[in-house]
Amino acid sequence: MATKRMTSNDYAKELHKLKLDEMALEKHIRERLNKLIELNPDVVIVENFMGSESNLLAKNYKHFINDDIQWVLHIIQVIEDDLASKHPHKQTEIQFPKTQHEKIMDIAKRIQALNIPENNI
């Protein structure tokens, strides 16, 4: 089976699609920052701003939403780090309750472990 070689129009269409996908992703990221700022307006983004004793809070960063995407990602990271430091519990896995069968099997394994062969006595 022969494959058709891509033409410049094919490449242009693919590039256009990728740029649209990138714009959609950036919009989603900026919406996430906006939501984080709304929910956590008092998170400190920059401490002792320019040598002063005042801190820049997240609520002051509303106008940075349209800035460079790397800066937006940095602000999101700062807010997420702050939230993580305030929440001491870290959930790494979900513990589901055992089924009745699993409970019975655990009991059987414990009983079997207690059984000592007669020839060892």
C-alpha atoms as a PDB file:
ATOM      1  CA  MET A   1       0.000   0.000   0.000  1.00  0.00           C
ATOM      2  CA  ALA A   2       1.429   3.344  -0.995  1.00  0.00           C
ATOM      3  CA  THR A   3       1.275   6.330   1.264  1.00  0.00           C
ATOM      4  CA  LYS A   4       0.612   9.792  -0.013  1.00  0.00           C
ATOM      5  CA  ARG A   5       3.352  12.294   0.627  1.00  0.00           C
ATOM      6  CA  MET A   6       2.198  15.404   2.487  1.00  0.00           C
ATOM      7  CA  THR A   7       2.094  18.630   0.503  1.00  0.00           C
ATOM      8  CA  SER A   8       2.727  22.158   1.700  1.00  0.00           C
ATOM      9  CA  ASN A   9      -1.044  22.654   2.048  1.00  0.00           C
ATOM     10  CA  ASP A  10      -1.239  19.585   4.299  1.00  0.00           C
ATOM     11  CA  TYR A  11       1.567  20.953   6.460  1.00  0.00           C
ATOM     12  CA  ALA A  12      -0.093  24.379   6.581  1.00  0.00           C
ATOM     13  CA  LYS A  13      -3.403  22.843   7.690  1.00  0.00           C
ATOM     14  CA  GLU A  14      -1.687  20.756  10.358  1.00  0.00           C
ATOM     15  CA  LEU A  15       0.280  23.768  11.611  1.00  0.00           C
ATOM     16  CA  HIS A  16      -2.913  25.860  11.754  1.00  0.00           C
ATOM     17  CA  LYS A  17      -4.658  23.131  13.753  1.00  0.00           C
ATOM     18  CA  LEU A  18      -1.744  22.932  16.207  1.00  0.00           C
ATOM     19  CA  LYS A  19      -1.786  26.717  16.675  1.00  0.00           C
ATOM     20  CA  LEU A  20      -5.524  26.597  17.390  1.00  0.00           C
ATOM     21  CA  ASP A  21      -4.924  23.803  19.919  1.00  0.00           C
ATOM     22  CA  GLU A  22      -2.161  25.860  21.542  1.00  0.00           C
ATOM     23  CA  MET A  23      -4.432  28.910  21.790  1.00  0.00           C
ATOM     24  CA  ALA A  24      -7.184  26.796  23.350  1.00  0.00           C
ATOM     25  CA  LEU A  25      -4.751  25.359  25.905  1.00  0.00           C
ATOM     26  CA  GLU A  26      -3.425  28.827  26.803  1.00  0.00           C
ATOM     27  CA  LYS A  27      -6.998  30.065  27.250  1.00  0.00           C
ATOM     28  CA  HIS A  28      -7.712  27.131  29.570  1.00  0.00           C
ATOM     29  CA  ILE A  29      -4.542  27.866  31.589  1.00  0.00           C
ATOM     30  CA  ARG A  30      -5.482  31.545  31.938  1.00  0.00           C
ATOM     31  CA  GLU A  31      -8.994  30.585  33.059  1.00  0.00           C
ATOM     32  CA  ARG A  32      -7.440  28.309  35.677  1.00  0.00           C
ATOM     33  CA  LEU A  33      -5.300  31.180  36.991  1.00  0.00           C
ATOM     34  CA  ASN A  34      -8.360  33.441  37.104  1.00  0.00           C
ATOM     35  CA  LYS A  35     -10.274  30.809  39.091  1.00  0.00           C
ATOM     36  CA  LEU A  36      -7.352  30.261  41.501  1.00  0.00           C
ATOM     37  CA  ILE A  37      -7.084  34.011  42.089  1.00  0.00           C
ATOM     38  CA  GLU A  38     -10.826  34.276  42.745  1.00  0.00           C
ATOM     39  CA  LEU A  39     -10.708  31.395  45.236  1.00  0.00           C
ATOM     40  CA  ASN A  40      -7.418  32.403  46.908  1.00  0.00           C
ATOM     41  CA  PRO A  41      -7.020  36.195  46.689  1.00  0.00           C
ATOM     42  CA  ASP A  42      -4.723  36.473  49.723  1.00  0.00           C
ATOM     43  CA  VAL A  43      -1.965  34.109  48.587  1.00  0.00           C
ATOM     44  CA  VAL A  44       1.399  35.884  48.651  1.00  0.00           C
ATOM     45  CA  ILE A  45       2.952  35.823  45.184  1.00  0.00           C
ATOM     46  CA  VAL A  46       6.000  38.026  45.901  1.00  0.00           C
ATOM     47  CA  GLU A  47       7.259  38.658  49.434  1.00  0.00           C
ATOM     48  CA  ASN A  48       8.867  41.999  50.320  1.00  0.00           C
ATOM     49  CA  PHE A  49       8.183  43.467  46.898  1.00  0.00           C
ATOM     50  CA  MET A  50      11.103  45.597  45.688  1.00  0.00           C
ATOM     51  CA  GLY A  51      12.661  45.711  49.151  1.00  0.00           C
ATOM     52  CA  SER A  52       9.542  47.064  50.823  1.00  0.00           C
ATOM     53  CA  GLU A  53       7.774  45.341  53.679  1.00  0.00           C
ATOM     54  CA  SER A  54       4.642  44.801  51.634  1.00  0.00           C
ATOM     55  CA  ASN A  55       3.793  41.598  49.819  1.00  0.00           C
ATOM     56  CA  LEU A  56       2.109  41.252  46.452  1.00  0.00           C
ATOM     57  CA  LEU A  57      -1.001  39.145  46.809  1.00  0.00           C
ATOM     58  CA  ALA A  58      -2.774  37.058  44.208  1.00  0.00           C
ATOM     59  CA  LYS A  59      -5.666  39.513  44.005  1.00  0.00           C
ATOM     60  CA  ASN A  60      -3.177  42.093  42.672  1.00  0.00           C
ATOM     61  CA  TYR A  61      -2.253  39.746  39.815  1.00  0.00           C
ATOM     62  CA  LYS A  62      -5.631  39.827  38.070  1.00  0.00           C
ATOM     63  CA  HIS A  63      -4.146  42.053  35.358  1.00  0.00           C
ATOM     64  CA  PHE A  64      -1.294  39.576  34.675  1.00  0.00           C
ATOM     65  CA  ILE A  65      -3.666  36.975  33.263  1.00  0.00           C
ATOM     66  CA  ASN A  66      -2.924  38.165  29.718  1.00  0.00           C
ATOM     67  CA  ASP A  67       0.858  38.228  30.219  1.00  0.00           C
ATOM     68  CA  ASP A  68       3.381  35.702  28.955  1.00  0.00           C
ATOM     69  CA  ILE A  69       2.159  32.133  29.454  1.00  0.00           C
ATOM     70  CA  GLN A  70       5.340  31.173  31.345  1.00  0.00           C
ATOM     71  CA  TRP A  71       4.645  33.921  33.880  1.00  0.00           C
ATOM     72  CA  VAL A  72       1.027  32.740  34.180  1.00  0.00           C
ATOM     73  CA  LEU A  73       2.245  29.180  34.830  1.00  0.00           C
ATOM     74  CA  HIS A  74       4.673  30.495  37.457  1.00  0.00           C
ATOM     75  CA  ILE A  75       1.879  32.296  39.312  1.00  0.00           C
ATOM     76  CA  ILE A  76      -0.280  29.149  39.201  1.00  0.00           C
ATOM     77  CA  GLN A  77       2.649  27.158  40.628  1.00  0.00           C
ATOM     78  CA  VAL A  78       3.124  29.658  43.475  1.00  0.00           C
ATOM     79  CA  ILE A  79      -0.578  29.493  44.379  1.00  0.00           C
ATOM     80  CA  GLU A  80      -0.629  25.677  44.209  1.00  0.00           C
ATOM     81  CA  ASP A  81       2.514  25.440  46.375  1.00  0.00           C
ATOM     82  CA  ASP A  82       0.978  27.781  48.925  1.00  0.00           C
ATOM     83  CA  LEU A  83      -2.232  25.742  49.045  1.00  0.00           C
ATOM     84  CA  ALA A  84      -0.273  22.490  49.385  1.00  0.00           C
ATOM     85  CA  SER A  85       1.768  23.896  52.289  1.00  0.00           C
ATOM     86  CA  LYS A  86      -1.430  24.870  54.115  1.00  0.00           C
ATOM     87  CA  HIS A  87      -2.942  21.416  53.748  1.00  0.00           C
ATOM     88  CA  PRO A  88      -0.995  18.898  55.847  1.00  0.00           C
ATOM     89  CA  HIS A  89      -2.747  15.795  54.535  1.00  0.00           C
ATOM     90  CA  LYS A  90      -1.369  14.259  51.368  1.00  0.00           C
ATOM     91  CA  GLN A  91      -3.473  11.623  49.666  1.00  0.00           C
ATOM     92  CA  THR A  92      -1.290   9.435  47.508  1.00  0.00           C
ATOM     93  CA  GLU A  93      -3.716   6.604  46.891  1.00  0.00           C
ATOM     94  CA  ILE A  94      -7.365   5.813  47.355  1.00  0.00           C
ATOM     95  CA  GLN A  95      -8.165   3.093  49.882  1.00  0.00           C
ATOM     96  CA  PHE A  96     -11.269   1.149  48.921  1.00  0.00           C
ATOM     97  CA  PRO A  97     -12.997  -0.930  51.595  1.00  0.00           C
ATOM     98  CA  LYS A  98     -12.354  -4.651  51.318  1.00  0.00           C
ATOM     99  CA  THR A  99     -15.050  -6.883  49.918  1.00  0.00           C
ATOM    100  CA  GLN A 100     -16.477  -9.691  52.036  1.00  0.00           C
ATOM    101  CA  HIS A 101     -14.481 -12.211  50.000  1.00  0.00           C
ATOM    102  CA  GLU A 102     -11.200 -10.346  50.622  1.00  0.00           C
ATOM    103  CA  LYS A 103     -11.929 -10.205  54.370  1.00  0.00           C
ATOM    104  CA  ILE A 104     -12.583 -13.974  54.472  1.00  0.00           C
ATOM    105  CA  MET A 105      -9.389 -14.672  52.519  1.00  0.00           C
ATOM    106  CA  ASP A 106      -7.355 -12.527  54.948  1.00  0.00           C
ATOM    107  CA  ILE A 107      -8.785 -14.488  57.888  1.00  0.00           C
ATOM    108  CA  ALA A 108      -8.009 -17.789  56.140  1.00  0.00           C
ATOM    109  CA  LYS A 109      -4.401 -16.702  55.519  1.00  0.00           C
ATOM    110  CA  ARG A 110      -3.970 -15.778  59.181  1.00  0.00           C
ATOM    111  CA  ILE A 111      -5.413 -19.119  60.314  1.00  0.00           C
ATOM    112  CA  GLN A 112      -3.172 -20.957  57.853  1.00  0.00           C
ATOM    113  CA  ALA A 113      -0.149 -19.065  59.184  1.00  0.00           C
ATOM    114  CA  LEU A 114      -1.010 -20.221  62.720  1.00  0.00           C
ATOM    115  CA  ASN A 115      -1.235 -23.887  61.701  1.00  0.00           C
ATOM    116  CA  ILE A 116       1.922 -25.721  62.713  1.00  0.00           C
ATOM    117  CA  PRO A 117       2.611 -29.018  60.981  1.00  0.00           C
ATOM    118  CA  GLU A 118       2.382 -32.037  63.335  1.00  0.00           C
ATOM    119  CA  ASN A 119       5.819 -33.452  62.419  1.00  0.00           C
ATOM    120  CA  ASN A 120       7.517 -30.313  63.840  1.00  0.00           C
ATOM    121  CA  ILE A 121       6.203 -30.985  67.378  1.00  0.00           C
END
